[in-house]
Amino acid sequence: MKLAVIPARGGSKRIPRKNIKVFNSKPIIAWSIEAARQSGCFDRIIVSTDDEEIAELARKWGADVPFVRPRSLSDDYTGTIPVIAHAIQWQQENGERPDEVCCIYATAPFIRVADLQHGLQLLEQIDCEYVFTVTSYASPIQRAFRITEKPRVEMINPEHFNTRSQDLEEAYHDAGQFYWGRAESWLAGKLIFSSNSVPIILPGYLVQDIDTSDDWVRAELMFNALQKQTVS
């Protein structure tokens, strides 16, 4: 069984009601649900939430909400892995045995059907525990600096002040869209960022974290620009 789990708790702080806030004419979670449905990858798509309004909207857009997420897994400190493990355990206790499980974030409007399909293909063909989307940093992280209390600036790696950008190793970060994983890896709490994971590299214009109001505005501008380019 191939299972999609979309975590969407109700208590977002920086952007209130973020998981169901309207993004380009529809609740942002709807973009994730629709991509999962259109991919044809899944036997079941569920939303893990502690919030009845989110549950109702998720059902409206075609996802299942078969349980209420426990309060112990709905605070600001609970990570993704325990939430997905709980959903898998619930499925097992109710007669289903997921094999491949994909966590899809509720705030991932740039997610592409083809990437979901490619992720499943890689997980099935390669000896790995997870497959997830990544993108490169826009600037070399080796030349990053911190702002001190004075305030002044201080390089984190001062030895690279005179190193040419093209001579520095490229670094990547999580694109924040989805993680395909084997059920046993989720249940065992295996780390996602490890040598047992395979990356799907995305261009920067398809990646935008949405954690603040500024992020939201930037994401909508990027999304609308991409939509116009596709139409033209």
C-alpha atoms as a PDB file:
ATOM      1  CA  MET A   1       0.000   0.000   0.000  1.00  0.00           C
ATOM      2  CA  LYS A   2       1.221   3.489  -0.910  1.00  0.00           C
ATOM      3  CA  LEU A   3       0.138   6.148   1.552  1.00  0.00           C
ATOM      4  CA  ALA A   4       0.294   9.947   1.461  1.00  0.00           C
ATOM      5  CA  VAL A   5       0.214  11.777   4.787  1.00  0.00           C
ATOM      6  CA  ILE A   6      -0.287  15.548   4.866  1.00  0.00           C
ATOM      7  CA  PRO A   7       0.452  16.983   8.342  1.00  0.00           C
ATOM      8  CA  ALA A   8      -1.699  20.046   9.053  1.00  0.00           C
ATOM      9  CA  ARG A   9      -2.132  21.059  12.663  1.00  0.00           C
ATOM     10  CA  GLY A  10      -4.316  24.002  13.572  1.00  0.00           C
ATOM     11  CA  GLY A  11      -2.005  25.984  15.839  1.00  0.00           C
ATOM     12  CA  SER A  12       0.282  27.841  13.444  1.00  0.00           C
ATOM     13  CA  LYS A  13       1.581  30.992  15.140  1.00  0.00           C
ATOM     14  CA  ARG A  14       3.448  33.220  12.684  1.00  0.00           C
ATOM     15  CA  ILE A  15       0.767  32.891   9.988  1.00  0.00           C
ATOM     16  CA  PRO A  16      -2.525  32.148  11.773  1.00  0.00           C
ATOM     17  CA  ARG A  17      -4.541  29.345  10.146  1.00  0.00           C
ATOM     18  CA  LYS A  18      -1.706  28.981   7.641  1.00  0.00           C
ATOM     19  CA  ASN A  19      -2.635  25.495   6.428  1.00  0.00           C
ATOM     20  CA  ILE A  20      -6.037  26.620   5.137  1.00  0.00           C
ATOM     21  CA  LYS A  21      -5.278  30.259   4.270  1.00  0.00           C
ATOM     22  CA  VAL A  22      -6.267  31.048   0.680  1.00  0.00           C
ATOM     23  CA  PHE A  23      -3.314  30.914  -1.706  1.00  0.00           C
ATOM     24  CA  ASN A  24      -4.060  31.923  -5.302  1.00  0.00           C
ATOM     25  CA  SER A  25      -7.810  31.290  -5.070  1.00  0.00           C
ATOM     26  CA  LYS A  26      -7.894  28.088  -2.987  1.00  0.00           C
ATOM     27  CA  PRO A  27      -6.848  26.902   0.492  1.00  0.00           C
ATOM     28  CA  ILE A  28      -3.119  26.265   0.379  1.00  0.00           C
ATOM     29  CA  ILE A  29      -3.559  22.668   1.556  1.00  0.00           C
ATOM     30  CA  ALA A  30      -5.694  22.027  -1.533  1.00  0.00           C
ATOM     31  CA  TRP A  31      -2.614  22.347  -3.767  1.00  0.00           C
ATOM     32  CA  SER A  32      -0.947  19.470  -1.923  1.00  0.00           C
ATOM     33  CA  ILE A  33      -4.069  17.300  -1.940  1.00  0.00           C
ATOM     34  CA  GLU A  34      -4.642  17.865  -5.644  1.00  0.00           C
ATOM     35  CA  ALA A  35      -1.026  17.082  -6.550  1.00  0.00           C
ATOM     36  CA  ALA A  36      -1.215  13.841  -4.569  1.00  0.00           C
ATOM     37  CA  ARG A  37      -4.461  12.848  -6.294  1.00  0.00           C
ATOM     38  CA  GLN A  38      -3.252  13.760  -9.774  1.00  0.00           C
ATOM     39  CA  SER A  39       0.003  11.834  -9.338  1.00  0.00           C
ATOM     40  CA  GLY A  40      -1.786   8.476  -9.237  1.00  0.00           C
ATOM     41  CA  CYS A  41       0.855   7.295  -6.777  1.00  0.00           C
ATOM     42  CA  PHE A  42      -1.330   6.665  -3.757  1.00  0.00           C
ATOM     43  CA  ASP A  43      -3.851   4.122  -2.550  1.00  0.00           C
ATOM     44  CA  ARG A  44      -4.890   6.551   0.171  1.00  0.00           C
ATOM     45  CA  ILE A  45      -4.319  10.237   0.926  1.00  0.00           C
ATOM     46  CA  ILE A  46      -4.880  11.278   4.529  1.00  0.00           C
ATOM     47  CA  VAL A  47      -4.542  14.556   6.388  1.00  0.00           C
ATOM     48  CA  SER A  48      -3.220  14.336   9.944  1.00  0.00           C
ATOM     49  CA  THR A  49      -4.774  17.191  11.903  1.00  0.00           C
ATOM     50  CA  ASP A  50      -6.060  18.159  15.327  1.00  0.00           C
ATOM     51  CA  ASP A  51      -8.393  20.791  13.881  1.00  0.00           C
ATOM     52  CA  GLU A  52     -11.977  20.181  12.727  1.00  0.00           C
ATOM     53  CA  GLU A  53     -12.034  23.091  10.252  1.00  0.00           C
ATOM     54  CA  ILE A  54      -8.895  21.770   8.555  1.00  0.00           C
ATOM     55  CA  ALA A  55     -10.395  18.274   8.547  1.00  0.00           C
ATOM     56  CA  GLU A  56     -13.583  19.508   6.883  1.00  0.00           C
ATOM     57  CA  LEU A  57     -11.687  21.381   4.170  1.00  0.00           C
ATOM     58  CA  ALA A  58      -9.378  18.418   3.570  1.00  0.00           C
ATOM     59  CA  ARG A  59     -12.375  16.129   2.993  1.00  0.00           C
ATOM     60  CA  LYS A  60     -13.918  18.709   0.658  1.00  0.00           C
ATOM     61  CA  TRP A  61     -10.799  18.652  -1.512  1.00  0.00           C
ATOM     62  CA  GLY A  62     -10.615  14.868  -1.661  1.00  0.00           C
ATOM     63  CA  ALA A  63      -8.449  13.661   1.237  1.00  0.00           C
ATOM     64  CA  ASP A  64      -9.395  11.296   4.057  1.00  0.00           C
ATOM     65  CA  VAL A  65      -9.251  12.353   7.702  1.00  0.00           C
ATOM     66  CA  PRO A  66      -9.751   9.043   9.535  1.00  0.00           C
ATOM     67  CA  PHE A  67      -8.499  10.161  12.956  1.00  0.00           C
ATOM     68  CA  VAL A  68      -7.880  13.213  15.117  1.00  0.00           C
ATOM     69  CA  ARG A  69      -4.194  13.744  15.728  1.00  0.00           C
ATOM     70  CA  PRO A  70      -3.376  13.429  19.455  1.00  0.00           C
ATOM     71  CA  ARG A  71      -2.658  16.638  21.329  1.00  0.00           C
ATOM     72  CA  SER A  72       0.747  15.239  22.294  1.00  0.00           C
ATOM     73  CA  LEU A  73       1.712  15.361  18.597  1.00  0.00           C
ATOM     74  CA  SER A  74       0.200  18.774  17.883  1.00  0.00           C
ATOM     75  CA  ASP A  75       2.456  21.255  19.663  1.00  0.00           C
ATOM     76  CA  ASP A  76       5.214  23.529  18.349  1.00  0.00           C
ATOM     77  CA  TYR A  77       7.970  21.051  19.211  1.00  0.00           C
ATOM     78  CA  THR A  78       6.746  17.865  17.532  1.00  0.00           C
ATOM     79  CA  GLY A  79       8.786  16.920  14.477  1.00  0.00           C
ATOM     80  CA  THR A  80       7.593  15.475  11.201  1.00  0.00           C
ATOM     81  CA  ILE A  81       8.801  11.907  11.739  1.00  0.00           C
ATOM     82  CA  PRO A  82       6.654  11.148  14.848  1.00  0.00           C
ATOM     83  CA  VAL A  83       3.567  12.527  13.078  1.00  0.00           C
ATOM     84  CA  ILE A  84       4.075  10.297  10.048  1.00  0.00           C
ATOM     85  CA  ALA A  85       4.894   7.306  12.260  1.00  0.00           C
ATOM     86  CA  HIS A  86       1.633   7.836  14.150  1.00  0.00           C
ATOM     87  CA  ALA A  87      -0.346   7.813  10.889  1.00  0.00           C
ATOM     88  CA  ILE A  88       1.354   4.589   9.799  1.00  0.00           C
ATOM     89  CA  GLN A  89       0.664   2.964  13.150  1.00  0.00           C
ATOM     90  CA  TRP A  90      -2.994   3.994  12.921  1.00  0.00           C
ATOM     91  CA  GLN A  91      -3.233   2.407   9.476  1.00  0.00           C
ATOM     92  CA  GLN A  92      -1.653  -0.806  10.734  1.00  0.00           C
ATOM     93  CA  GLU A  93      -3.992  -0.975  13.712  1.00  0.00           C
ATOM     94  CA  ASN A  94      -6.942  -0.608  11.352  1.00  0.00           C
ATOM     95  CA  GLY A  95      -6.058  -3.354   8.904  1.00  0.00           C
ATOM     96  CA  GLU A  96      -3.798  -1.593   6.386  1.00  0.00           C
ATOM     97  CA  ARG A  97      -0.056  -2.140   5.967  1.00  0.00           C
ATOM     98  CA  PRO A  98       1.603   0.788   4.165  1.00  0.00           C
ATOM     99  CA  ASP A  99       4.878   0.009   2.400  1.00  0.00           C
ATOM    100  CA  GLU A 100       5.855   3.317   0.791  1.00  0.00           C
ATOM    101  CA  VAL A 101       4.743   6.429   2.651  1.00  0.00           C
ATOM    102  CA  CYS A 102       5.051  10.018   1.434  1.00  0.00           C
ATOM    103  CA  CYS A 103       4.869  12.993   3.758  1.00  0.00           C
ATOM    104  CA  ILE A 104       3.586  15.979   1.769  1.00  0.00           C
ATOM    105  CA  TYR A 105       3.637  19.351   3.451  1.00  0.00           C
ATOM    106  CA  ALA A 106       0.369  21.291   3.518  1.00  0.00           C
ATOM    107  CA  THR A 107       2.100  24.521   2.479  1.00  0.00           C
ATOM    108  CA  ALA A 108       3.783  23.308  -0.708  1.00  0.00           C
ATOM    109  CA  PRO A 109       1.981  24.968  -3.642  1.00  0.00           C
ATOM    110  CA  PHE A 110       5.011  24.550  -5.919  1.00  0.00           C
ATOM    111  CA  ILE A 111       4.894  20.748  -5.665  1.00  0.00           C
ATOM    112  CA  ARG A 112       4.825  19.011  -9.057  1.00  0.00           C
ATOM    113  CA  VAL A 113       3.091  15.767  -9.948  1.00  0.00           C
ATOM    114  CA  ALA A 114       6.111  14.629 -11.947  1.00  0.00           C
ATOM    115  CA  ASP A 115       8.394  15.058  -8.935  1.00  0.00           C
ATOM    116  CA  LEU A 116       6.109  12.932  -6.748  1.00  0.00           C
ATOM    117  CA  GLN A 117       6.107  10.237  -9.405  1.00  0.00           C
ATOM    118  CA  HIS A 118       9.877  10.435  -9.818  1.00  0.00           C
ATOM    119  CA  GLY A 119      10.356  10.169  -6.073  1.00  0.00           C
ATOM    120  CA  LEU A 120       8.354   6.956  -5.905  1.00  0.00           C
ATOM    121  CA  GLN A 121      10.283   5.540  -8.846  1.00  0.00           C
ATOM    122  CA  LEU A 122      13.607   6.254  -7.130  1.00  0.00           C
ATOM    123  CA  LEU A 123      12.446   4.750  -3.828  1.00  0.00           C
ATOM    124  CA  GLU A 124      11.386   1.555  -5.613  1.00  0.00           C
ATOM    125  CA  GLN A 125      14.543   1.265  -7.720  1.00  0.00           C
ATOM    126  CA  ILE A 126      17.319   2.334  -5.335  1.00  0.00           C
ATOM    127  CA  ASP A 127      18.425   0.852  -2.036  1.00  0.00           C
ATOM    128  CA  CYS A 128      17.593   3.855   0.155  1.00  0.00           C
ATOM    129  CA  GLU A 129      15.325   4.870   3.021  1.00  0.00           C
ATOM    130  CA  TYR A 130      14.042   8.253   1.836  1.00  0.00           C
ATOM    131  CA  VAL A 131      13.765  10.368  -1.321  1.00  0.00           C
ATOM    132  CA  PHE A 132      13.085  14.079  -1.006  1.00  0.00           C
ATOM    133  CA  THR A 133      13.371  17.386  -2.856  1.00  0.00           C
ATOM    134  CA  VAL A 134      16.331  19.719  -2.341  1.00  0.00           C
ATOM    135  CA  THR A 135      17.718  22.890  -3.874  1.00  0.00           C
ATOM    136  CA  SER A 136      21.057  24.669  -3.718  1.00  0.00           C
ATOM    137  CA  TYR A 137      21.732  27.753  -1.605  1.00  0.00           C
ATOM    138  CA  ALA A 138      21.621  30.964  -3.612  1.00  0.00           C
ATOM    139  CA  SER A 139      24.974  32.097  -2.155  1.00  0.00           C
ATOM    140  CA  PRO A 140      27.957  30.085  -0.876  1.00  0.00           C
ATOM    141  CA  ILE A 141      27.324  29.213   2.766  1.00  0.00           C
ATOM    142  CA  GLN A 142      31.074  29.138   3.422  1.00  0.00           C
ATOM    143  CA  ARG A 143      31.074  32.945   3.110  1.00  0.00           C
ATOM    144  CA  ALA A 144      28.209  33.494   5.550  1.00  0.00           C
ATOM    145  CA  PHE A 145      28.647  35.788   8.533  1.00  0.00           C
ATOM    146  CA  ARG A 146      26.857  36.481  11.796  1.00  0.00           C
ATOM    147  CA  ILE A 147      25.864  39.800  13.344  1.00  0.00           C
ATOM    148  CA  THR A 148      27.292  40.186  16.831  1.00  0.00           C
ATOM    149  CA  GLU A 149      25.776  42.011  19.819  1.00  0.00           C
ATOM    150  CA  LYS A 150      27.805  45.238  19.260  1.00  0.00           C
ATOM    151  CA  PRO A 151      26.482  45.123  16.422  1.00  0.00           C
ATOM    152  CA  ARG A 152      29.281  44.135  14.057  1.00  0.00           C
ATOM    153  CA  VAL A 153      29.750  41.398  11.492  1.00  0.00           C
ATOM    154  CA  GLU A 154      31.861  38.285  11.913  1.00  0.00           C
ATOM    155  CA  MET A 155      32.543  35.623   9.302  1.00  0.00           C
ATOM    156  CA  ILE A 156      31.633  32.091  10.318  1.00  0.00           C
ATOM    157  CA  ASN A 157      34.414  30.686   8.109  1.00  0.00           C
ATOM    158  CA  PRO A 158      36.913  33.560   7.756  1.00  0.00           C
ATOM    159  CA  GLU A 159      39.374  31.338   5.924  1.00  0.00           C
ATOM    160  CA  HIS A 160      37.111  31.588   2.866  1.00  0.00           C
ATOM    161  CA  PHE A 161      37.000  35.379   2.618  1.00  0.00           C
ATOM    162  CA  ASN A 162      39.291  35.379  -0.426  1.00  0.00           C
ATOM    163  CA  THR A 163      38.123  32.066  -1.894  1.00  0.00           C
ATOM    164  CA  ARG A 164      36.400  32.462  -5.237  1.00  0.00           C
ATOM    165  CA  SER A 165      32.729  31.443  -5.209  1.00  0.00           C
ATOM    166  CA  GLN A 166      33.288  28.972  -8.040  1.00  0.00           C
ATOM    167  CA  ASP A 167      35.937  27.197  -5.960  1.00  0.00           C
ATOM    168  CA  LEU A 168      33.624  26.553  -3.012  1.00  0.00           C
ATOM    169  CA  GLU A 169      31.631  23.339  -2.624  1.00  0.00           C
ATOM    170  CA  GLU A 170      27.965  23.743  -3.531  1.00  0.00           C
ATOM    171  CA  ALA A 171      25.608  23.212  -0.602  1.00  0.00           C
ATOM    172  CA  TYR A 172      21.946  22.201  -0.606  1.00  0.00           C
ATOM    173  CA  HIS A 173      18.941  22.503   1.671  1.00  0.00           C
ATOM    174  CA  ASP A 174      15.565  20.851   2.040  1.00  0.00           C
ATOM    175  CA  ALA A 175      13.001  22.181  -0.449  1.00  0.00           C
ATOM    176  CA  GLY A 176      10.188  21.616   2.052  1.00  0.00           C
ATOM    177  CA  GLN A 177       7.797  19.820  -0.308  1.00  0.00           C
ATOM    178  CA  PHE A 178       7.690  16.083   0.300  1.00  0.00           C
ATOM    179  CA  TYR A 179       9.568  13.062   1.644  1.00  0.00           C
ATOM    180  CA  TRP A 180       9.017   9.600   0.243  1.00  0.00           C
ATOM    181  CA  GLY A 181      10.090   6.943   2.719  1.00  0.00           C
ATOM    182  CA  ARG A 182       9.739   3.297   3.568  1.00  0.00           C
ATOM    183  CA  ALA A 183       7.225   2.612   6.339  1.00  0.00           C
ATOM    184  CA  GLU A 184       9.836   0.846   8.453  1.00  0.00           C
ATOM    185  CA  SER A 185      12.155   3.868   8.192  1.00  0.00           C
ATOM    186  CA  TRP A 186       9.463   6.240   9.438  1.00  0.00           C
ATOM    187  CA  LEU A 187       8.527   3.878  12.261  1.00  0.00           C
ATOM    188  CA  ALA A 188      12.150   3.462  13.315  1.00  0.00           C
ATOM    189  CA  GLY A 189      12.662   7.232  13.376  1.00  0.00           C
ATOM    190  CA  LYS A 190      15.483   7.077  10.828  1.00  0.00           C
ATOM    191  CA  LEU A 191      17.007  10.452   9.993  1.00  0.00           C
ATOM    192  CA  ILE A 192      15.980  11.924   6.654  1.00  0.00           C
ATOM    193  CA  PHE A 193      19.145  13.964   6.108  1.00  0.00           C
ATOM    194  CA  SER A 194      21.599  11.085   5.871  1.00  0.00           C
ATOM    195  CA  SER A 195      23.598   9.008   3.432  1.00  0.00           C
ATOM    196  CA  ASN A 196      20.586   6.670   3.171  1.00  0.00           C
ATOM    197  CA  SER A 197      18.533   9.329   1.378  1.00  0.00           C
ATOM    198  CA  VAL A 198      18.380  10.219  -2.319  1.00  0.00           C
ATOM    199  CA  PRO A 199      17.815  13.847  -3.442  1.00  0.00           C
ATOM    200  CA  ILE A 200      15.621  15.227  -6.199  1.00  0.00           C
ATOM    201  CA  ILE A 201      17.283  18.534  -7.111  1.00  0.00           C
ATOM    202  CA  LEU A 202      14.899  21.397  -7.900  1.00  0.00           C
ATOM    203  CA  PRO A 203      15.635  24.815  -9.399  1.00  0.00           C
ATOM    204  CA  GLY A 204      15.436  27.667  -6.919  1.00  0.00           C
ATOM    205  CA  TYR A 205      12.388  29.241  -8.565  1.00  0.00           C
ATOM    206  CA  LEU A 206      10.298  26.223  -7.496  1.00  0.00           C
ATOM    207  CA  VAL A 207      11.262  26.483  -3.830  1.00  0.00           C
ATOM    208  CA  GLN A 208       9.931  28.853  -1.184  1.00  0.00           C
ATOM    209  CA  ASP A 209       9.533  28.184   2.535  1.00  0.00           C
ATOM    210  CA  ILE A 210       6.332  29.771   3.833  1.00  0.00           C
ATOM    211  CA  ASP A 211       6.906  30.578   7.500  1.00  0.00           C
ATOM    212  CA  THR A 212       6.267  34.330   7.684  1.00  0.00           C
ATOM    213  CA  SER A 213       3.987  36.909   6.062  1.00  0.00           C
ATOM    214  CA  ASP A 214       6.894  38.040   3.865  1.00  0.00           C
ATOM    215  CA  ASP A 215       7.405  34.441   2.731  1.00  0.00           C
ATOM    216  CA  TRP A 216       3.722  34.219   1.823  1.00  0.00           C
ATOM    217  CA  VAL A 217       3.804  37.357  -0.332  1.00  0.00           C
ATOM    218  CA  ARG A 218       6.991  36.213  -2.077  1.00  0.00           C
ATOM    219  CA  ALA A 219       5.512  32.764  -2.722  1.00  0.00           C
ATOM    220  CA  GLU A 220       2.358  34.201  -4.303  1.00  0.00           C
ATOM    221  CA  LEU A 221       4.395  36.510  -6.545  1.00  0.00           C
ATOM    222  CA  MET A 222       6.594  33.594  -7.646  1.00  0.00           C
ATOM    223  CA  PHE A 223       3.584  31.331  -8.177  1.00  0.00           C
ATOM    224  CA  ASN A 224       1.676  33.884 -10.247  1.00  0.00           C
ATOM    225  CA  ALA A 225       4.744  34.591 -12.385  1.00  0.00           C
ATOM    226  CA  LEU A 226       5.130  30.870 -13.074  1.00  0.00           C
ATOM    227  CA  GLN A 227       1.427  30.569 -13.907  1.00  0.00           C
ATOM    228  CA  LYS A 228       1.675  33.407 -16.434  1.00  0.00           C
ATOM    229  CA  GLN A 229       4.749  31.860 -18.024  1.00  0.00           C
ATOM    230  CA  THR A 230       2.951  28.511 -18.363  1.00  0.00           C
ATOM    231  CA  VAL A 231      -0.096  30.135 -19.991  1.00  0.00           C
ATOM    232  CA  SER A 232       1.999  32.145 -22.446  1.00  0.00           C
END
